Amino acid sequence: MIKVNLLPIKRKKKPKPIPSFVVTMVIITIITIIVMANLAFLFNARLSKKRTLFKNNESKIAELKQKIKEVENFEQLNKTILQKNNIIEQLRKNQSMPVRLLNEANNLLPNGVWLDKMTVSGENVSMEGYAFANSDIVTYVDNMKNSQIFTEVYLQESKSTTIENTPLYMFKLTFKMKV
């Protein structure tokens, strides 16, 4: 005999197949997420490399600025030393000038002429003195014009005067000294 079950039995329904476009969309979405994650990782890695490179460059720039500052300080110090050295050299050169001036002026003095006052201003020199005769003054001026270290010798004034009842000639002359 045949048995018929009239009671409802719950049967499992066959699942409906998933449409292929949904599967494709899910796969594309998963691939896109994976690609985006890889790109984000690579971008983050590059960004961190760039940041470290930037920090290294900033530290190098700071070191170079410090070195530039040291070089500028050295150049300033060197310039100051050169200026001081030039001043010392100039003083050494000028140190012998008064000795040469007085020695040459004394060697050129004829008998009967003596110097009373001498003023030196750079290479310009002015002298005042006395002589017994006007011809002695002319001789002295000629001697100075023939000197190797005096140039532009100019007799400014020669006048007769009396000092302690002695007739004398007072003279003023200017000249330049070769440096």
N, C-alpha and C. Protein backbone atom coordinates (compact mmCIF):
# COMPACT_ATOMS: atom_id res chain seq x y z
N MET A 1 0.78 -1.14 0.00
CA MET A 1 0.00 0.00 0.00
C MET A 1 0.84 1.23 0.00
N ILE A 2 0.23 2.11 -0.46
CA ILE A 2 0.93 3.36 -0.69
C ILE A 2 0.52 4.31 0.42
N LYS A 3 1.53 4.84 0.92
CA LYS A 3 1.23 5.79 1.97
C LYS A 3 1.40 7.18 1.42
N VAL A 4 0.50 7.96 1.78
CA VAL A 4 0.56 9.35 1.33
C VAL A 4 0.57 10.20 2.59
N ASN A 5 1.50 10.99 2.64
CA ASN A 5 1.62 11.88 3.78
C ASN A 5 0.98 13.19 3.41
N LEU A 6 -0.01 13.51 4.07
CA LEU A 6 -0.73 14.73 3.78
C LEU A 6 -0.31 15.86 4.69
N LEU A 7 0.52 15.57 5.57
CA LEU A 7 1.02 16.63 6.43
C LEU A 7 2.07 17.45 5.67
N PRO A 8 1.98 18.69 5.88
CA PRO A 8 2.95 19.49 5.12
C PRO A 8 4.36 19.29 5.66
N ILE A 9 5.24 19.09 4.83
CA ILE A 9 6.64 18.93 5.18
C ILE A 9 7.37 20.15 4.64
N LYS A 10 8.15 20.60 5.51
CA LYS A 10 8.89 21.76 5.06
C LYS A 10 10.08 21.27 4.28
N ARG A 11 10.10 21.68 3.16
CA ARG A 11 11.20 21.30 2.32
C ARG A 11 12.13 22.50 2.14
N LYS A 12 13.29 22.16 2.00
CA LYS A 12 14.25 23.23 1.77
C LYS A 12 14.14 23.63 0.34
N LYS A 13 14.11 24.93 0.24
CA LYS A 13 14.04 25.44 -1.11
C LYS A 13 15.46 25.51 -1.66
N LYS A 14 15.58 25.32 -2.84
CA LYS A 14 16.86 25.44 -3.48
C LYS A 14 17.21 26.91 -3.52
N PRO A 15 18.42 27.18 -3.12
CA PRO A 15 18.77 28.59 -3.18
C PRO A 15 18.82 29.07 -4.63
N LYS A 16 18.40 30.30 -4.74
CA LYS A 16 18.41 30.88 -6.08
C LYS A 16 19.85 31.19 -6.43
N PRO A 17 20.21 30.95 -7.61
CA PRO A 17 21.58 31.29 -7.98
C PRO A 17 21.78 32.81 -7.93
N ILE A 18 22.98 33.20 -7.48
CA ILE A 18 23.31 34.63 -7.38
C ILE A 18 23.59 35.11 -8.79
N PRO A 19 23.02 36.25 -9.09
CA PRO A 19 23.25 36.75 -10.43
C PRO A 19 24.74 37.03 -10.65
N SER A 20 25.21 36.82 -11.83
CA SER A 20 26.63 36.94 -12.14
C SER A 20 27.14 38.38 -12.02
N PHE A 21 26.33 39.37 -12.30
CA PHE A 21 26.81 40.77 -12.19
C PHE A 21 27.08 41.12 -10.74
N VAL A 22 26.35 40.54 -9.78
CA VAL A 22 26.58 40.81 -8.36
C VAL A 22 27.92 40.19 -7.96
N VAL A 23 28.17 38.98 -8.42
CA VAL A 23 29.44 38.33 -8.12
C VAL A 23 30.59 39.15 -8.71
N THR A 24 30.41 39.58 -9.91
CA THR A 24 31.43 40.39 -10.58
C THR A 24 31.66 41.69 -9.80
N MET A 25 30.62 42.31 -9.36
CA MET A 25 30.74 43.57 -8.61
C MET A 25 31.45 43.35 -7.28
N VAL A 26 31.15 42.25 -6.62
CA VAL A 26 31.80 41.96 -5.34
C VAL A 26 33.29 41.71 -5.57
N ILE A 27 33.62 40.96 -6.59
CA ILE A 27 35.03 40.67 -6.89
C ILE A 27 35.76 41.96 -7.25
N ILE A 28 35.14 42.78 -8.07
CA ILE A 28 35.76 44.06 -8.46
C ILE A 28 35.95 44.94 -7.23
N THR A 29 34.96 44.97 -6.34
CA THR A 29 35.06 45.77 -5.12
C THR A 29 36.20 45.27 -4.24
N ILE A 30 36.30 43.96 -4.08
CA ILE A 30 37.37 43.39 -3.25
C ILE A 30 38.74 43.72 -3.87
N ILE A 31 38.87 43.56 -5.18
CA ILE A 31 40.13 43.87 -5.86
C ILE A 31 40.46 45.36 -5.70
N THR A 32 39.44 46.20 -5.85
CA THR A 32 39.64 47.65 -5.70
C THR A 32 40.11 47.98 -4.29
N ILE A 33 39.52 47.35 -3.29
CA ILE A 33 39.92 47.60 -1.90
C ILE A 33 41.36 47.16 -1.67
N ILE A 34 41.71 46.00 -2.24
CA ILE A 34 43.08 45.50 -2.09
C ILE A 34 44.07 46.45 -2.78
N VAL A 35 43.74 46.89 -4.01
CA VAL A 35 44.61 47.82 -4.74
C VAL A 35 44.73 49.14 -3.99
N MET A 36 43.62 49.64 -3.47
CA MET A 36 43.64 50.91 -2.72
C MET A 36 44.48 50.78 -1.45
N ALA A 37 44.36 49.63 -0.78
CA ALA A 37 45.16 49.41 0.43
C ALA A 37 46.65 49.38 0.08
N ASN A 38 46.99 48.70 -1.01
CA ASN A 38 48.40 48.67 -1.45
C ASN A 38 48.89 50.06 -1.83
N LEU A 39 48.07 50.81 -2.56
CA LEU A 39 48.45 52.18 -2.93
C LEU A 39 48.62 53.06 -1.69
N ALA A 40 47.71 52.91 -0.74
CA ALA A 40 47.81 53.69 0.49
C ALA A 40 49.09 53.32 1.24
N PHE A 41 49.41 52.04 1.29
CA PHE A 41 50.63 51.59 1.95
C PHE A 41 51.86 52.15 1.25
N LEU A 42 51.88 52.07 -0.09
CA LEU A 42 53.01 52.61 -0.85
C LEU A 42 53.12 54.12 -0.69
N PHE A 43 51.98 54.80 -0.74
CA PHE A 43 51.98 56.25 -0.57
C PHE A 43 52.49 56.62 0.82
N ASN A 44 52.05 55.89 1.82
CA ASN A 44 52.49 56.15 3.19
C ASN A 44 53.99 55.88 3.32
N ALA A 45 54.47 54.82 2.69
CA ALA A 45 55.90 54.51 2.73
C ALA A 45 56.70 55.62 2.05
N ARG A 46 56.24 56.05 0.88
CA ARG A 46 56.93 57.15 0.18
C ARG A 46 56.88 58.43 0.99
N LEU A 47 55.73 58.69 1.57
CA LEU A 47 55.57 59.90 2.38
C LEU A 47 56.51 59.88 3.57
N SER A 48 56.64 58.73 4.22
CA SER A 48 57.55 58.65 5.37
C SER A 48 59.00 58.80 4.91
N LYS A 49 59.35 58.24 3.74
CA LYS A 49 60.70 58.43 3.20
C LYS A 49 60.95 59.90 2.91
N LYS A 50 59.96 60.55 2.31
CA LYS A 50 60.12 61.98 1.99
C LYS A 50 60.26 62.81 3.26
N ARG A 51 59.50 62.44 4.29
CA ARG A 51 59.59 63.18 5.56
C ARG A 51 60.97 63.01 6.18
N THR A 52 61.49 61.78 6.18
CA THR A 52 62.82 61.58 6.74
C THR A 52 63.88 62.29 5.91
N LEU A 53 63.72 62.26 4.57
CA LEU A 53 64.64 62.98 3.70
C LEU A 53 64.57 64.48 3.97
N PHE A 54 63.35 64.98 4.17
CA PHE A 54 63.15 66.40 4.47
C PHE A 54 63.82 66.77 5.79
N LYS A 55 63.64 65.91 6.81
CA LYS A 55 64.28 66.18 8.10
C LYS A 55 65.79 66.13 7.98
N ASN A 56 66.30 65.16 7.23
CA ASN A 56 67.76 65.08 7.01
C ASN A 56 68.27 66.32 6.29
N ASN A 57 67.53 66.75 5.28
CA ASN A 57 67.94 67.95 4.54
C ASN A 57 67.89 69.18 5.43
N GLU A 58 66.87 69.27 6.29
CA GLU A 58 66.80 70.40 7.21
C GLU A 58 67.99 70.41 8.16
N SER A 59 68.36 69.22 8.65
CA SER A 59 69.52 69.17 9.55
C SER A 59 70.80 69.53 8.80
N LYS A 60 70.93 69.09 7.54
CA LYS A 60 72.10 69.45 6.74
C LYS A 60 72.13 70.96 6.50
N ILE A 61 70.96 71.53 6.22
CA ILE A 61 70.89 72.98 5.99
C ILE A 61 71.30 73.72 7.26
N ALA A 62 70.84 73.24 8.41
CA ALA A 62 71.22 73.88 9.67
C ALA A 62 72.73 73.78 9.88
N GLU A 63 73.32 72.61 9.58
CA GLU A 63 74.77 72.45 9.71
C GLU A 63 75.50 73.38 8.75
N LEU A 64 75.01 73.46 7.51
CA LEU A 64 75.66 74.32 6.52
C LEU A 64 75.53 75.79 6.90
N LYS A 65 74.37 76.17 7.46
CA LYS A 65 74.22 77.55 7.91
C LYS A 65 75.21 77.86 9.02
N GLN A 66 75.42 76.90 9.90
CA GLN A 66 76.39 77.09 10.97
C GLN A 66 77.79 77.23 10.39
N LYS A 67 78.11 76.40 9.39
CA LYS A 67 79.43 76.49 8.76
C LYS A 67 79.59 77.81 8.03
N ILE A 68 78.53 78.27 7.35
CA ILE A 68 78.58 79.56 6.66
C ILE A 68 78.82 80.67 7.66
N LYS A 69 78.15 80.58 8.81
CA LYS A 69 78.34 81.59 9.84
C LYS A 69 79.79 81.57 10.34
N GLU A 70 80.34 80.37 10.52
CA GLU A 70 81.74 80.26 10.95
C GLU A 70 82.68 80.84 9.90
N VAL A 71 82.38 80.57 8.62
CA VAL A 71 83.22 81.10 7.55
C VAL A 71 83.13 82.63 7.52
N GLU A 72 81.92 83.16 7.68
CA GLU A 72 81.77 84.62 7.70
C GLU A 72 82.52 85.23 8.88
N ASN A 73 82.43 84.57 10.04
CA ASN A 73 83.18 85.06 11.20
C ASN A 73 84.68 85.01 10.93
N PHE A 74 85.13 83.92 10.29
CA PHE A 74 86.54 83.79 9.96
C PHE A 74 86.96 84.88 8.97
N GLU A 75 86.13 85.12 7.96
CA GLU A 75 86.45 86.17 6.98
C GLU A 75 86.51 87.53 7.64
N GLN A 76 85.57 87.80 8.55
CA GLN A 76 85.57 89.08 9.26
C GLN A 76 86.83 89.20 10.12
N LEU A 77 87.18 88.12 10.81
CA LEU A 77 88.38 88.13 11.64
C LEU A 77 89.62 88.30 10.77
N ASN A 78 89.65 87.62 9.64
CA ASN A 78 90.78 87.73 8.71
C ASN A 78 90.89 89.15 8.17
N LYS A 79 89.74 89.76 7.85
CA LYS A 79 89.74 91.13 7.35
C LYS A 79 90.27 92.09 8.42
N THR A 80 89.84 91.89 9.65
CA THR A 80 90.31 92.73 10.75
C THR A 80 91.81 92.57 10.96
N ILE A 81 92.27 91.32 10.89
CA ILE A 81 93.71 91.07 11.05
C ILE A 81 94.50 91.72 9.92
N LEU A 82 93.99 91.63 8.68
CA LEU A 82 94.67 92.26 7.56
C LEU A 82 94.73 93.78 7.72
N GLN A 83 93.63 94.37 8.20
CA GLN A 83 93.62 95.81 8.41
C GLN A 83 94.65 96.20 9.47
N LYS A 84 94.69 95.43 10.56
CA LYS A 84 95.65 95.73 11.61
C LYS A 84 97.08 95.53 11.11
N ASN A 85 97.28 94.49 10.32
CA ASN A 85 98.59 94.23 9.75
C ASN A 85 99.02 95.36 8.83
N ASN A 86 98.07 95.86 8.00
CA ASN A 86 98.38 96.99 7.12
C ASN A 86 98.73 98.24 7.92
N ILE A 87 98.02 98.45 9.02
CA ILE A 87 98.32 99.60 9.87
C ILE A 87 99.72 99.46 10.46
N ILE A 88 100.06 98.26 10.91
CA ILE A 88 101.39 98.03 11.49
C ILE A 88 102.47 98.24 10.43
N GLU A 89 102.23 97.73 9.22
CA GLU A 89 103.20 97.92 8.13
C GLU A 89 103.36 99.40 7.80
N GLN A 90 102.23 100.12 7.77
CA GLN A 90 102.28 101.56 7.48
C GLN A 90 103.06 102.28 8.57
N LEU A 91 102.83 101.89 9.82
CA LEU A 91 103.57 102.52 10.93
C LEU A 91 105.07 102.21 10.83
N ARG A 92 105.40 100.99 10.43
CA ARG A 92 106.82 100.64 10.26
C ARG A 92 107.45 101.48 9.16
N LYS A 93 106.70 101.65 8.06
CA LYS A 93 107.23 102.47 6.97
C LYS A 93 107.40 103.92 7.42
N ASN A 94 106.38 104.41 8.12
CA ASN A 94 106.42 105.81 8.55
C ASN A 94 107.36 106.04 9.72
N GLN A 95 107.76 104.98 10.39
CA GLN A 95 108.64 105.12 11.54
C GLN A 95 110.00 105.68 11.13
N SER A 96 110.47 105.29 10.00
CA SER A 96 111.78 105.76 9.57
C SER A 96 111.71 107.12 8.86
N MET A 97 110.52 107.55 8.49
CA MET A 97 110.38 108.80 7.74
C MET A 97 110.90 110.02 8.52
N PRO A 98 110.52 110.22 9.80
CA PRO A 98 111.04 111.40 10.50
C PRO A 98 112.56 111.39 10.63
N VAL A 99 113.13 110.21 10.82
CA VAL A 99 114.58 110.11 10.94
C VAL A 99 115.23 110.49 9.62
N ARG A 100 114.70 109.94 8.52
CA ARG A 100 115.24 110.28 7.20
C ARG A 100 115.08 111.77 6.91
N LEU A 101 113.92 112.31 7.26
CA LEU A 101 113.64 113.73 7.03
C LEU A 101 114.64 114.61 7.77
N LEU A 102 114.79 114.38 9.06
CA LEU A 102 115.70 115.22 9.85
C LEU A 102 117.15 115.01 9.42
N ASN A 103 117.53 113.80 9.10
CA ASN A 103 118.90 113.54 8.67
C ASN A 103 119.21 114.26 7.37
N GLU A 104 118.31 114.14 6.38
CA GLU A 104 118.54 114.80 5.09
C GLU A 104 118.50 116.31 5.23
N ALA A 105 117.52 116.83 6.01
CA ALA A 105 117.44 118.29 6.20
C ALA A 105 118.70 118.81 6.88
N ASN A 106 119.24 118.07 7.81
CA ASN A 106 120.47 118.47 8.51
C ASN A 106 121.68 118.40 7.58
N ASN A 107 121.77 117.35 6.77
CA ASN A 107 122.91 117.21 5.86
C ASN A 107 122.94 118.31 4.81
N LEU A 108 121.77 118.83 4.43
CA LEU A 108 121.71 119.86 3.39
C LEU A 108 121.90 121.28 3.93
N LEU A 109 121.90 121.45 5.26
CA LEU A 109 122.04 122.79 5.86
C LEU A 109 123.44 123.35 5.61
N PRO A 110 123.50 124.52 5.00
CA PRO A 110 124.82 125.17 4.87
C PRO A 110 125.16 125.89 6.18
N ASN A 111 126.41 126.30 6.31
CA ASN A 111 126.81 127.06 7.50
C ASN A 111 126.05 128.37 7.52
N GLY A 112 125.61 128.78 8.69
CA GLY A 112 124.91 130.04 8.85
C GLY A 112 123.40 129.91 8.73
N VAL A 113 122.88 128.71 8.62
CA VAL A 113 121.43 128.50 8.55
C VAL A 113 121.06 127.51 9.64
N TRP A 114 119.99 127.81 10.36
CA TRP A 114 119.48 126.87 11.35
C TRP A 114 117.96 126.86 11.30
N LEU A 115 117.42 125.74 11.72
CA LEU A 115 115.97 125.54 11.66
C LEU A 115 115.37 125.84 13.02
N ASP A 116 114.18 126.46 12.98
CA ASP A 116 113.50 126.84 14.21
C ASP A 116 112.24 125.98 14.43
N LYS A 117 111.55 125.66 13.34
CA LYS A 117 110.27 124.97 13.49
C LYS A 117 110.03 124.09 12.26
N MET A 118 109.51 122.89 12.50
CA MET A 118 109.19 121.98 11.40
C MET A 118 107.83 121.35 11.71
N THR A 119 106.95 121.34 10.69
CA THR A 119 105.63 120.73 10.84
C THR A 119 105.46 119.71 9.72
N VAL A 120 105.10 118.47 10.13
CA VAL A 120 104.90 117.39 9.16
C VAL A 120 103.42 117.02 9.17
N SER A 121 102.84 117.00 7.98
CA SER A 121 101.44 116.62 7.82
C SER A 121 101.35 115.66 6.64
N GLY A 122 101.39 114.36 6.95
CA GLY A 122 101.41 113.36 5.88
C GLY A 122 102.74 113.43 5.16
N GLU A 123 102.69 113.70 3.86
CA GLU A 123 103.94 113.85 3.11
C GLU A 123 104.31 115.32 2.93
N ASN A 124 103.46 116.24 3.39
CA ASN A 124 103.74 117.68 3.30
C ASN A 124 104.51 118.12 4.54
N VAL A 125 105.55 118.93 4.30
CA VAL A 125 106.40 119.41 5.39
C VAL A 125 106.56 120.92 5.21
N SER A 126 106.45 121.63 6.32
CA SER A 126 106.74 123.08 6.29
C SER A 126 107.82 123.36 7.34
N MET A 127 108.75 124.27 6.98
CA MET A 127 109.88 124.60 7.85
C MET A 127 109.99 126.10 8.01
N GLU A 128 110.45 126.47 9.19
CA GLU A 128 110.79 127.86 9.45
C GLU A 128 112.20 127.86 10.04
N GLY A 129 112.96 128.87 9.67
CA GLY A 129 114.33 128.93 10.18
C GLY A 129 114.93 130.31 9.99
N TYR A 130 116.20 130.42 10.35
CA TYR A 130 116.91 131.69 10.28
C TYR A 130 118.26 131.48 9.59
N ALA A 131 118.76 132.58 8.99
CA ALA A 131 120.07 132.53 8.35
C ALA A 131 120.73 133.91 8.50
N PHE A 132 122.07 133.90 8.39
CA PHE A 132 122.80 135.16 8.48
C PHE A 132 122.70 135.95 7.19
N ALA A 133 122.56 135.24 6.05
CA ALA A 133 122.50 135.94 4.77
C ALA A 133 121.42 135.30 3.91
N ASN A 134 120.84 136.10 3.05
CA ASN A 134 119.80 135.61 2.16
C ASN A 134 120.38 134.59 1.17
N SER A 135 121.65 134.74 0.81
CA SER A 135 122.28 133.79 -0.12
C SER A 135 122.38 132.39 0.52
N ASP A 136 122.51 132.33 1.86
CA ASP A 136 122.53 131.03 2.54
C ASP A 136 121.17 130.33 2.43
N ILE A 137 120.11 131.11 2.48
CA ILE A 137 118.76 130.55 2.34
C ILE A 137 118.59 129.99 0.93
N VAL A 138 119.04 130.76 -0.07
CA VAL A 138 118.94 130.31 -1.46
C VAL A 138 119.75 129.03 -1.65
N THR A 139 120.92 128.95 -1.07
CA THR A 139 121.74 127.74 -1.15
C THR A 139 121.02 126.55 -0.53
N TYR A 140 120.39 126.79 0.62
CA TYR A 140 119.67 125.71 1.29
C TYR A 140 118.50 125.23 0.44
N VAL A 141 117.74 126.15 -0.16
CA VAL A 141 116.61 125.78 -1.02
C VAL A 141 117.11 125.01 -2.24
N ASP A 142 118.22 125.46 -2.83
CA ASP A 142 118.78 124.74 -3.99
C ASP A 142 119.23 123.33 -3.59
N ASN A 143 119.86 123.21 -2.43
CA ASN A 143 120.27 121.89 -1.95
C ASN A 143 119.06 120.96 -1.78
N MET A 144 117.96 121.51 -1.26
CA MET A 144 116.76 120.71 -1.05
C MET A 144 116.12 120.30 -2.38
N LYS A 145 116.17 121.20 -3.36
CA LYS A 145 115.61 120.87 -4.68
C LYS A 145 116.42 119.76 -5.34
N ASN A 146 117.71 119.69 -5.08
CA ASN A 146 118.57 118.65 -5.66
C ASN A 146 118.54 117.35 -4.85
N SER A 147 117.82 117.33 -3.74
CA SER A 147 117.76 116.15 -2.88
C SER A 147 116.97 115.03 -3.55
N GLN A 148 117.30 113.79 -3.18
CA GLN A 148 116.62 112.61 -3.73
C GLN A 148 115.28 112.34 -3.04
N ILE A 149 115.08 112.86 -1.83
CA ILE A 149 113.85 112.51 -1.11
C ILE A 149 112.88 113.68 -0.96
N PHE A 150 113.26 114.89 -1.37
CA PHE A 150 112.37 116.05 -1.28
C PHE A 150 111.89 116.45 -2.67
N THR A 151 110.59 116.77 -2.79
CA THR A 151 110.03 117.26 -4.05
C THR A 151 109.20 118.49 -3.76
N GLU A 152 108.92 119.21 -4.82
CA GLU A 152 108.08 120.41 -4.77
C GLU A 152 108.53 121.38 -3.67
N VAL A 153 109.82 121.66 -3.64
CA VAL A 153 110.38 122.60 -2.66
C VAL A 153 109.98 124.01 -3.08
N TYR A 154 109.38 124.76 -2.14
CA TYR A 154 108.88 126.10 -2.45
C TYR A 154 109.21 127.02 -1.28
N LEU A 155 109.94 128.10 -1.58
CA LEU A 155 110.26 129.10 -0.56
C LEU A 155 109.09 130.06 -0.49
N GLN A 156 108.39 130.02 0.63
CA GLN A 156 107.21 130.86 0.78
C GLN A 156 107.56 132.30 1.18
N GLU A 157 108.51 132.42 2.05
CA GLU A 157 108.79 133.76 2.57
C GLU A 157 110.25 133.84 3.02
N SER A 158 110.85 135.00 2.79
CA SER A 158 112.19 135.30 3.30
C SER A 158 112.19 136.78 3.61
N LYS A 159 112.37 137.09 4.88
CA LYS A 159 112.36 138.51 5.25
C LYS A 159 113.44 138.81 6.28
N SER A 160 113.85 140.03 6.26
CA SER A 160 114.91 140.49 7.16
C SER A 160 114.30 140.79 8.51
N THR A 161 115.02 140.40 9.57
CA THR A 161 114.57 140.65 10.94
C THR A 161 115.79 140.85 11.83
N THR A 162 115.55 141.32 13.02
CA THR A 162 116.65 141.53 13.97
C THR A 162 116.30 140.81 15.27
N ILE A 163 117.23 139.98 15.73
CA ILE A 163 117.04 139.29 17.00
C ILE A 163 118.27 139.59 17.85
N GLU A 164 118.03 140.18 19.04
CA GLU A 164 119.09 140.57 19.98
C GLU A 164 120.18 141.39 19.28
N ASN A 165 119.77 142.40 18.55
CA ASN A 165 120.64 143.32 17.84
C ASN A 165 121.50 142.64 16.77
N THR A 166 121.05 141.44 16.29
CA THR A 166 121.77 140.74 15.23
C THR A 166 120.86 140.70 14.01
N PRO A 167 121.33 141.25 12.90
CA PRO A 167 120.47 141.19 11.71
C PRO A 167 120.47 139.76 11.13
N LEU A 168 119.26 139.23 10.95
CA LEU A 168 119.08 137.87 10.42
C LEU A 168 118.01 137.89 9.34
N TYR A 169 117.92 136.78 8.63
CA TYR A 169 116.85 136.57 7.66
C TYR A 169 116.01 135.39 8.14
N MET A 170 114.72 135.61 8.26
CA MET A 170 113.78 134.55 8.66
C MET A 170 113.16 134.01 7.37
N PHE A 171 113.03 132.68 7.27
CA PHE A 171 112.46 132.09 6.05
C PHE A 171 111.44 131.02 6.41
N LYS A 172 110.50 130.80 5.47
CA LYS A 172 109.52 129.72 5.55
C LYS A 172 109.53 129.01 4.21
N LEU A 173 109.58 127.68 4.28
CA LEU A 173 109.52 126.92 3.01
C LEU A 173 108.67 125.66 3.23
N THR A 174 108.12 125.19 2.12
CA THR A 174 107.32 123.96 2.15
C THR A 174 107.86 123.01 1.10
N PHE A 175 107.67 121.73 1.34
CA PHE A 175 108.07 120.71 0.38
C PHE A 175 107.33 119.42 0.70
N LYS A 176 107.48 118.48 -0.20
CA LYS A 176 106.89 117.16 0.01
C LYS A 176 108.02 116.16 0.09
N MET A 177 107.76 115.12 0.83
CA MET A 177 108.76 114.06 1.00
C MET A 177 108.30 112.85 0.22
N LYS A 178 109.22 112.26 -0.54
CA LYS A 178 108.89 111.03 -1.26
C LYS A 178 108.75 109.89 -0.25
N VAL A 179 107.71 109.14 -0.38
CA VAL A 179 107.46 108.06 0.60
C VAL A 179 108.12 106.79 0.13
